[in-house]
Amino acid sequence: MYRVPSMTRDAARRAGALGVAALVGLTAAGGRVSAQSSATPASARSPSSWEWTWDTSLFLQFNYQQRKFTDFWAVESPNWLMGSGRRLFGAGTLEIAAMVSLEAFTLDDIGSPQVFQTGETFEGGPLIDYQHPHDLVMQLGGRYDRLARGVRFGGTASIVGAPAFGPMAFMHRASADANPTAPLAHHHLDSMHITPGVLTATAGARGAAVEASVFRGREPDEDRLDLDLGALDSWAVRGSWTRGRWSAQVSGASVTSPEALEPGVDVTRLSASLGFDQTTAVGGLSALAAWGQMRDVYGTTDAYLVEGAWHPSAALTWYGRVESVVKNILTAGGQHPPGFTHAHEFSRVGALTLGVRRALVRARGLDILAGGDVTGHRTPPNLQESYGRPWSYHVYVQLRRTGPHRHR
């Protein structure tokens, strides 16, 4: 059995990082607190009091991926921790938020093994068959909004954040909460959720909203511990609608030189999605159907995703995801000089994932759950020789804070 990156990581460092991650998850699982008791009625709270919410999800998993000529596996921990606070401020509401991930320490340097996954770089080359670790700082910013004549106006400023593009990032979606794996469609739909430097303006009424953002287009570099700040050279616009259990969005973005290996190649991105969520404390159903497209000098690629989670009871979750994505795998190369281009040979790959998760412990705002899933892949003719008929599975324990999320 061949495991590529395990020798690059000291075992003691990995064990210590997993312990720290578990401690952070347990600490954050205490739930919702405020400067005053959370049992205090809102009408009785001081306008100067802060209300705090902590959300966390930590997987400890065995990840096995099989493809022609080789198989590769890892014991790893995808994870994140988010804290946000809000209070009345003047005539509106001020909210601050921060989100971190320890994946720089709990995943191998190259990332998490995943057949057909692409995006970002490792040691100056394109990442293929791996999902990159997320940056230590995944979000850091603030938002202010107020209601005027029935319209809610808002503004967001983030050192690291998400511009107005695509559906909610996969780790925050109710339809993907039990799935430890990033979608193959991630870089078509929601990969800009960790963008260094974002300014967004919002106006909304009666469940409809329009948002516009300016942001830095270049994706994060290989140093997961720094802040990749720079000029705000890109823009995005999103229209969204929410009514009851249904939500939808349509968005577009003009992104300046996002890829470090393709300097000077700008990308136009388009996205649309429809979501449904009737999840309650005792069960329910959540689902998302999404489409994303990227256009650049090499052509047009698109991605389709349908995912869902069914909770027949509070303790049991069945989940699934099906995807079809066009990717550049065969002709991905190293650093290109500015202005240099070459033909890309695209491949439409697919994946079907089915999984189950069950709660083991639910106490004091903390869920400890266990689950697993199996994924089969569709290999196009031009990748058959290299990949054959790959498949994969995960077995995991998840620590998760119980309670509603307020992600934007």
Protein backbone atom coordinates (compact mmCIF):
# COMPACT_ATOMS: atom_id res chain seq x y z
CA MET A 1 0.00 0.00 0.00
CA TYR A 2 1.37 3.42 -0.96
CA ARG A 3 0.70 6.53 1.10
CA VAL A 4 2.44 9.50 -0.46
CA PRO A 5 2.76 12.21 2.16
CA SER A 6 2.83 10.45 5.55
CA MET A 7 6.63 10.61 5.85
CA THR A 8 6.57 14.42 5.64
CA ARG A 9 4.85 14.83 9.01
CA ASP A 10 6.23 14.04 12.45
CA ALA A 11 3.90 11.63 14.26
CA ALA A 12 4.12 13.45 17.58
CA ARG A 13 3.24 16.77 15.95
CA ARG A 14 0.19 15.21 14.30
CA ALA A 15 -0.99 13.58 17.52
CA GLY A 16 -0.55 16.83 19.44
CA ALA A 17 -2.42 18.82 16.80
CA LEU A 18 -5.31 16.37 16.85
CA GLY A 19 -5.46 16.69 20.61
CA VAL A 20 -5.54 20.48 20.39
CA ALA A 21 -8.23 20.30 17.71
CA ALA A 22 -10.34 18.01 19.88
CA LEU A 23 -9.93 20.34 22.85
CA VAL A 24 -10.96 23.35 20.76
CA GLY A 25 -14.02 21.47 19.53
CA LEU A 26 -15.04 20.47 23.03
CA THR A 27 -14.48 23.97 24.36
CA ALA A 28 -16.52 25.57 21.57
CA ALA A 29 -19.33 23.08 21.94
CA GLY A 30 -20.72 24.83 24.97
CA GLY A 31 -23.15 26.63 22.70
CA ARG A 32 -24.50 30.11 22.75
CA VAL A 33 -23.44 32.60 25.41
CA SER A 34 -23.69 36.34 25.87
CA ALA A 35 -22.43 39.13 28.06
CA GLN A 36 -25.66 38.55 29.97
CA SER A 37 -27.45 35.27 30.55
CA SER A 38 -28.83 33.75 27.35
CA ALA A 39 -32.02 33.11 29.29
CA THR A 40 -32.57 36.84 29.68
CA PRO A 41 -35.40 38.06 27.40
CA ALA A 42 -34.14 40.15 24.50
CA SER A 43 -36.35 43.05 25.57
CA ALA A 44 -34.60 43.11 28.97
CA ARG A 45 -31.04 43.13 27.66
CA SER A 46 -28.90 46.21 27.63
CA PRO A 47 -28.35 47.68 24.14
CA SER A 48 -24.61 47.44 24.85
CA SER A 49 -24.63 43.68 25.55
CA TRP A 50 -23.00 41.26 23.16
CA GLU A 51 -24.60 37.99 22.13
CA TRP A 52 -22.07 35.34 21.17
CA THR A 53 -22.46 32.17 19.10
CA TRP A 54 -19.86 29.41 18.74
CA ASP A 55 -20.02 26.79 16.00
CA THR A 56 -17.56 23.98 15.39
CA SER A 57 -17.16 20.78 13.43
CA LEU A 58 -14.21 18.41 13.80
CA PHE A 59 -13.80 15.09 11.97
CA LEU A 60 -11.28 12.42 12.91
CA GLN A 61 -11.33 10.03 9.97
CA PHE A 62 -9.76 7.21 8.06
CA ASN A 63 -9.77 8.23 4.39
CA TYR A 64 -9.11 5.56 1.72
CA GLN A 65 -8.89 6.33 -2.01
CA GLN A 66 -8.33 3.71 -4.73
CA ARG A 67 -7.41 4.28 -8.36
CA LYS A 68 -5.65 2.28 -11.04
CA PHE A 69 -1.98 1.47 -10.24
CA THR A 70 -2.18 2.75 -6.64
CA ASP A 71 -4.24 3.36 -3.56
CA PHE A 72 -3.62 6.02 -0.94
CA TRP A 73 -4.98 6.67 2.53
CA ALA A 74 -4.68 8.99 5.51
CA VAL A 75 -5.72 9.32 9.13
CA GLU A 76 -6.62 12.99 9.32
CA SER A 77 -8.87 15.68 10.76
CA PRO A 78 -10.80 18.20 8.62
CA ASN A 79 -12.02 20.84 11.08
CA TRP A 80 -13.14 24.40 11.71
CA LEU A 81 -14.19 26.64 14.59
CA MET A 82 -16.25 29.81 14.23
CA GLY A 83 -17.23 32.47 16.74
CA SER A 84 -19.46 35.47 16.13
CA GLY A 85 -20.84 38.26 18.27
CA ARG A 86 -23.59 40.77 17.65
CA ARG A 87 -25.08 43.76 19.42
CA LEU A 88 -27.21 46.82 18.79
CA PHE A 89 -25.14 49.73 17.54
CA GLY A 90 -26.80 53.03 16.80
CA ALA A 91 -29.86 52.44 14.64
CA GLY A 92 -28.64 49.07 13.41
CA THR A 93 -26.85 45.85 14.32
CA LEU A 94 -23.12 45.23 14.42
CA GLU A 95 -21.75 41.72 13.97
CA ILE A 96 -18.15 40.52 14.12
CA ALA A 97 -16.99 37.02 13.17
CA ALA A 98 -13.84 34.95 13.09
CA MET A 99 -13.28 31.42 11.84
CA VAL A 100 -10.16 29.26 12.06
CA SER A 101 -9.07 25.82 10.93
CA LEU A 102 -6.23 23.64 12.23
CA GLU A 103 -5.98 21.70 8.96
CA ALA A 104 -2.47 23.09 8.40
CA PHE A 105 -1.50 20.79 11.28
CA THR A 106 -4.08 17.98 11.12
CA LEU A 107 -3.87 17.22 7.37
CA ASP A 108 -0.75 16.27 5.45
CA ASP A 109 1.07 19.19 3.81
CA ILE A 110 -0.25 18.15 0.41
CA GLY A 111 -3.83 17.93 1.69
CA SER A 112 -6.53 15.30 2.00
CA PRO A 113 -6.51 12.46 -0.58
CA GLN A 114 -9.49 12.73 -2.96
CA VAL A 115 -9.72 11.17 -6.42
CA PHE A 116 -10.27 13.77 -9.20
CA GLN A 117 -10.04 16.76 -6.86
CA THR A 118 -8.09 19.75 -8.20
CA GLY A 119 -7.35 23.34 -7.21
CA GLU A 120 -4.47 25.40 -5.77
CA THR A 121 -0.86 24.19 -5.63
CA PHE A 122 1.69 22.15 -3.68
CA GLU A 123 5.44 22.76 -3.93
CA GLY A 124 4.88 24.91 -7.00
CA GLY A 125 2.85 22.36 -8.98
CA PRO A 126 -0.88 21.84 -9.47
CA LEU A 127 -2.74 19.82 -6.85
CA ILE A 128 -4.43 16.76 -8.37
CA ASP A 129 -6.21 14.02 -6.40
CA TYR A 130 -5.93 16.07 -3.19
CA GLN A 131 -8.09 18.65 -1.43
CA HIS A 132 -5.79 21.36 -0.09
CA PRO A 133 -5.74 22.22 3.63
CA HIS A 134 -7.70 25.34 4.49
CA ASP A 135 -5.90 28.41 5.81
CA LEU A 136 -5.59 28.93 9.55
CA VAL A 137 -7.68 32.12 9.27
CA MET A 138 -10.79 31.25 7.26
CA GLN A 139 -12.79 34.36 8.18
CA LEU A 140 -12.11 37.62 10.00
CA GLY A 141 -14.39 40.59 9.58
CA GLY A 142 -17.43 42.58 10.58
CA ARG A 143 -20.85 43.53 9.31
CA TYR A 144 -23.24 46.39 10.01
CA ASP A 145 -26.83 46.58 8.85
CA ARG A 146 -29.95 48.62 9.56
CA LEU A 147 -33.57 48.73 8.47
CA ALA A 148 -34.86 51.83 6.70
CA ARG A 149 -38.35 52.11 5.16
CA GLY A 150 -38.74 48.36 4.92
CA VAL A 151 -35.36 47.79 3.24
CA ARG A 152 -32.40 46.31 5.09
CA PHE A 153 -29.10 47.86 4.06
CA GLY A 154 -25.79 46.34 5.09
CA GLY A 155 -22.08 46.48 4.61
CA THR A 156 -19.38 43.88 5.30
CA ALA A 157 -15.63 44.42 5.58
CA SER A 158 -13.43 41.33 5.88
CA ILE A 159 -9.71 40.82 6.17
CA VAL A 160 -10.61 37.28 5.13
CA GLY A 161 -14.12 36.44 3.97
CA ALA A 162 -16.43 35.40 1.16
CA PRO A 163 -17.53 37.66 -1.71
CA ALA A 164 -21.08 37.65 -3.03
CA PHE A 165 -20.78 34.54 -5.17
CA GLY A 166 -22.27 31.06 -5.14
CA PRO A 167 -24.20 29.11 -2.53
CA MET A 168 -23.11 28.89 1.10
CA ALA A 169 -19.72 27.16 1.50
CA PHE A 170 -20.04 23.37 1.75
CA MET A 171 -18.94 23.04 5.41
CA HIS A 172 -21.83 25.29 6.51
CA ARG A 173 -24.60 23.73 4.42
CA ALA A 174 -27.18 21.63 6.24
CA SER A 175 -27.26 19.35 3.19
CA ALA A 176 -23.51 18.59 3.60
CA ASP A 177 -23.03 18.75 7.37
CA ALA A 178 -22.46 14.98 7.72
CA ASN A 179 -20.15 14.71 4.68
CA PRO A 180 -16.45 15.17 5.55
CA THR A 181 -15.40 15.64 1.91
CA ALA A 182 -15.26 18.80 -0.19
CA PRO A 183 -17.29 18.56 -3.42
CA LEU A 184 -15.42 18.02 -6.68
CA ALA A 185 -17.41 21.08 -7.78
CA HIS A 186 -15.89 23.16 -4.96
CA HIS A 187 -13.78 25.37 -7.23
CA HIS A 188 -16.75 26.05 -9.51
CA LEU A 189 -19.19 26.89 -6.72
CA ASP A 190 -17.82 28.06 -3.39
CA SER A 191 -14.01 28.01 -3.31
CA MET A 192 -13.87 31.78 -2.76
CA HIS A 193 -15.12 31.40 0.82
CA ILE A 194 -11.54 32.11 1.99
CA THR A 195 -10.73 35.32 0.12
CA PRO A 196 -8.18 37.80 1.52
CA GLY A 197 -9.74 41.26 1.36
CA VAL A 198 -13.50 41.61 0.73
CA LEU A 199 -15.91 44.56 0.81
CA THR A 200 -19.62 43.83 0.28
CA ALA A 201 -22.73 46.01 0.14
CA THR A 202 -26.22 44.51 0.56
CA ALA A 203 -29.81 45.66 0.14
CA GLY A 204 -32.79 43.41 0.77
CA ALA A 205 -36.52 43.32 1.45
CA ARG A 206 -39.28 40.68 1.67
CA GLY A 207 -36.91 37.75 1.38
CA ALA A 208 -35.02 39.08 -1.67
CA ALA A 209 -31.53 40.61 -1.58
CA VAL A 210 -28.89 42.01 -3.92
CA GLU A 211 -25.20 41.99 -2.95
CA ALA A 212 -22.11 43.43 -4.63
CA SER A 213 -18.50 42.77 -3.64
CA VAL A 214 -15.00 43.88 -4.50
CA PHE A 215 -12.18 41.53 -3.47
CA ARG A 216 -8.69 40.24 -4.19
CA GLY A 217 -8.87 37.66 -6.96
CA ARG A 218 -5.70 35.63 -6.30
CA GLU A 219 -6.35 32.38 -4.40
CA PRO A 220 -4.50 31.74 -1.11
CA ASP A 221 -0.90 30.59 -1.48
CA GLU A 222 0.69 27.44 -0.01
CA ASP A 223 1.52 29.11 3.31
CA ARG A 224 -1.60 28.27 5.33
CA LEU A 225 -0.60 30.43 8.29
CA ASP A 226 -0.28 33.87 6.65
CA LEU A 227 -2.71 36.49 5.31
CA ASP A 228 -2.45 36.95 1.52
CA LEU A 229 -3.56 40.58 1.32
CA GLY A 230 -3.36 42.70 -1.81
CA ALA A 231 -5.26 45.01 -4.16
CA LEU A 232 -9.03 44.51 -4.48
CA ASP A 233 -9.00 43.83 -8.21
CA SER A 234 -12.10 41.65 -8.74
CA TRP A 235 -15.85 41.97 -8.31
CA ALA A 236 -18.96 39.84 -7.83
CA VAL A 237 -22.75 40.33 -7.80
CA ARG A 238 -25.39 38.00 -6.33
CA GLY A 239 -29.17 38.06 -6.24
CA SER A 240 -30.82 35.80 -3.66
CA TRP A 241 -34.31 34.86 -2.52
CA THR A 242 -35.59 33.10 0.59
CA ARG A 243 -39.13 32.04 1.39
CA GLY A 244 -39.89 29.58 4.15
CA ARG A 245 -37.92 26.40 3.57
CA TRP A 246 -36.74 27.41 0.09
CA SER A 247 -33.79 29.55 -0.98
CA ALA A 248 -32.18 30.38 -4.31
CA GLN A 249 -29.33 32.46 -5.67
CA VAL A 250 -27.87 33.56 -9.00
CA SER A 251 -24.41 35.11 -9.07
CA GLY A 252 -21.52 36.14 -11.26
CA ALA A 253 -17.92 37.22 -10.70
CA SER A 254 -15.02 38.65 -12.66
CA VAL A 255 -11.86 37.29 -11.04
CA THR A 256 -8.43 38.72 -11.81
CA SER A 257 -5.59 36.18 -12.11
CA PRO A 258 -6.89 33.69 -9.52
CA GLU A 259 -4.37 30.91 -10.24
CA ALA A 260 -0.74 31.28 -9.16
CA LEU A 261 0.35 28.97 -12.02
CA GLU A 262 -1.51 31.03 -14.63
CA PRO A 263 -0.60 34.69 -13.95
CA GLY A 264 -2.53 37.08 -16.15
CA VAL A 265 -5.35 34.61 -16.92
CA ASP A 266 -8.62 36.12 -15.69
CA VAL A 267 -11.73 34.04 -15.05
CA THR A 268 -15.45 34.78 -15.32
CA ARG A 269 -17.55 32.71 -12.94
CA LEU A 270 -21.30 32.08 -12.97
CA SER A 271 -23.42 30.19 -10.46
CA ALA A 272 -27.04 29.33 -9.64
CA SER A 273 -28.50 27.17 -6.90
CA LEU A 274 -31.76 26.12 -5.29
CA GLY A 275 -31.90 24.91 -1.69
CA PHE A 276 -34.49 23.33 0.61
CA ASP A 277 -34.17 22.94 4.38
CA GLN A 278 -36.80 21.72 6.83
CA THR A 279 -34.33 20.37 9.39
CA THR A 280 -35.48 20.61 13.02
CA ALA A 281 -34.16 19.32 16.33
CA VAL A 282 -36.00 16.02 15.79
CA GLY A 283 -35.26 15.36 12.11
CA GLY A 284 -36.11 16.57 8.63
CA LEU A 285 -34.69 16.96 5.13
CA SER A 286 -32.23 19.37 3.52
CA ALA A 287 -31.09 19.47 -0.10
CA LEU A 288 -29.21 21.61 -2.61
CA ALA A 289 -29.01 21.62 -6.40
CA ALA A 290 -26.28 23.85 -7.83
CA TRP A 291 -24.58 24.74 -11.10
CA GLY A 292 -21.31 26.59 -11.61
CA GLN A 293 -19.35 27.68 -14.66
CA MET A 294 -15.85 29.08 -15.27
CA ARG A 295 -14.81 30.85 -18.47
CA ASP A 296 -11.25 31.80 -19.42
CA VAL A 297 -8.92 31.83 -22.43
CA TYR A 298 -8.81 28.01 -22.41
CA GLY A 299 -12.56 27.53 -22.76
CA THR A 300 -15.61 26.95 -20.59
CA THR A 301 -15.99 24.35 -17.85
CA ASP A 302 -19.08 23.65 -15.79
CA ALA A 303 -20.12 21.67 -12.74
CA TYR A 304 -23.42 20.22 -11.53
CA LEU A 305 -24.09 19.13 -7.97
CA VAL A 306 -27.06 17.66 -6.10
CA GLU A 307 -26.67 16.78 -2.41
CA GLY A 308 -28.96 16.09 0.48
CA ALA A 309 -29.31 14.86 4.05
CA TRP A 310 -32.31 13.04 5.49
CA HIS A 311 -32.76 12.84 9.25
CA PRO A 312 -35.40 10.16 10.04
CA SER A 313 -34.70 10.89 13.72
CA ALA A 314 -32.63 13.29 15.76
CA ALA A 315 -29.85 10.69 16.06
CA LEU A 316 -29.67 9.31 12.50
CA THR A 317 -28.66 10.94 9.20
CA TRP A 318 -28.51 9.47 5.72
CA TYR A 319 -26.65 11.66 3.23
CA GLY A 320 -25.65 11.67 -0.41
CA ARG A 321 -24.07 13.71 -3.17
CA VAL A 322 -23.90 13.32 -6.95
CA GLU A 323 -21.65 15.48 -9.14
CA SER A 324 -20.58 15.98 -12.73
CA VAL A 325 -17.62 18.31 -13.25
CA VAL A 326 -15.38 19.29 -16.16
CA LYS A 327 -11.74 19.50 -15.06
CA ASN A 328 -8.26 19.98 -16.51
CA ILE A 329 -6.33 16.97 -15.21
CA LEU A 330 -4.29 15.70 -18.15
CA THR A 331 -2.74 19.01 -19.21
CA ALA A 332 -2.32 20.75 -15.85
CA GLY A 333 1.27 21.95 -15.67
CA GLY A 334 3.69 24.03 -13.63
CA GLN A 335 4.31 27.77 -13.49
CA HIS A 336 3.42 29.54 -16.77
CA PRO A 337 5.22 32.74 -17.83
CA PRO A 338 2.80 35.70 -18.07
CA GLY A 339 1.02 35.65 -21.41
CA PHE A 340 1.90 32.02 -22.17
CA THR A 341 -1.04 29.71 -22.94
CA HIS A 342 -1.44 26.22 -24.34
CA ALA A 343 -4.35 23.98 -25.24
CA HIS A 344 -6.13 22.29 -22.34
CA GLU A 345 -7.64 18.83 -22.63
CA PHE A 346 -10.72 18.70 -20.43
CA SER A 347 -12.28 15.67 -18.73
CA ARG A 348 -15.83 15.35 -17.40
CA VAL A 349 -15.57 13.35 -14.19
CA GLY A 350 -18.37 12.25 -11.90
CA ALA A 351 -18.90 11.00 -8.36
CA LEU A 352 -21.73 9.46 -6.35
CA THR A 353 -21.45 9.39 -2.54
CA LEU A 354 -23.78 7.61 -0.11
CA GLY A 355 -23.26 7.71 3.65
CA VAL A 356 -24.78 7.38 7.10
CA ARG A 357 -24.08 9.05 10.44
CA ARG A 358 -25.38 8.28 13.92
CA ALA A 359 -25.19 10.26 17.17
CA LEU A 360 -23.31 8.53 19.98
CA VAL A 361 -23.47 11.25 22.65
CA ARG A 362 -25.58 14.40 22.84
CA ALA A 363 -25.01 16.47 25.97
CA ARG A 364 -24.26 20.06 27.04
CA GLY A 365 -24.49 21.43 23.52
CA LEU A 366 -22.13 18.83 22.08
CA ASP A 367 -22.74 16.06 19.57
CA ILE A 368 -20.30 13.16 19.23
CA LEU A 369 -21.24 11.23 16.11
CA ALA A 370 -19.88 8.34 14.07
CA GLY A 371 -20.36 7.72 10.36
CA GLY A 372 -19.00 6.59 7.05
CA ASP A 373 -19.55 6.81 3.32
CA VAL A 374 -18.61 5.19 0.04
CA THR A 375 -17.97 7.00 -3.27
CA GLY A 376 -17.95 5.61 -6.77
CA HIS A 377 -16.50 7.66 -9.62
CA ARG A 378 -17.28 8.06 -13.31
CA THR A 379 -14.08 8.07 -15.35
CA PRO A 380 -14.17 9.63 -18.85
CA PRO A 381 -12.46 7.80 -21.75
CA ASN A 382 -9.40 10.07 -21.75
CA LEU A 383 -8.63 9.18 -18.10
CA GLN A 384 -9.38 5.44 -18.20
CA GLU A 385 -5.76 4.45 -18.71
CA SER A 386 -4.62 6.44 -15.67
CA TYR A 387 -7.54 5.96 -13.28
CA GLY A 388 -9.49 2.86 -14.23
CA ARG A 389 -12.62 2.70 -12.03
CA PRO A 390 -11.68 4.47 -8.79
CA TRP A 391 -13.65 4.34 -5.55
CA SER A 392 -13.16 5.55 -1.98
CA TYR A 393 -14.56 5.43 1.53
CA HIS A 394 -14.39 7.30 4.85
CA VAL A 395 -14.97 6.12 8.40
CA TYR A 396 -15.09 8.90 10.97
CA VAL A 397 -15.98 10.30 14.36
CA GLN A 398 -17.32 13.87 14.36
CA LEU A 399 -17.47 16.42 17.16
CA ARG A 400 -20.06 19.08 16.45
CA ARG A 401 -21.64 21.92 18.32
CA THR A 402 -25.42 21.55 18.54
CA GLY A 403 -27.61 24.45 17.51
CA PRO A 404 -28.61 26.74 14.62
CA HIS A 405 -26.00 28.42 12.46
CA ARG A 406 -26.10 32.06 11.45
CA HIS A 407 -23.63 32.02 8.57
CA ARG A 408 -23.96 34.68 5.89
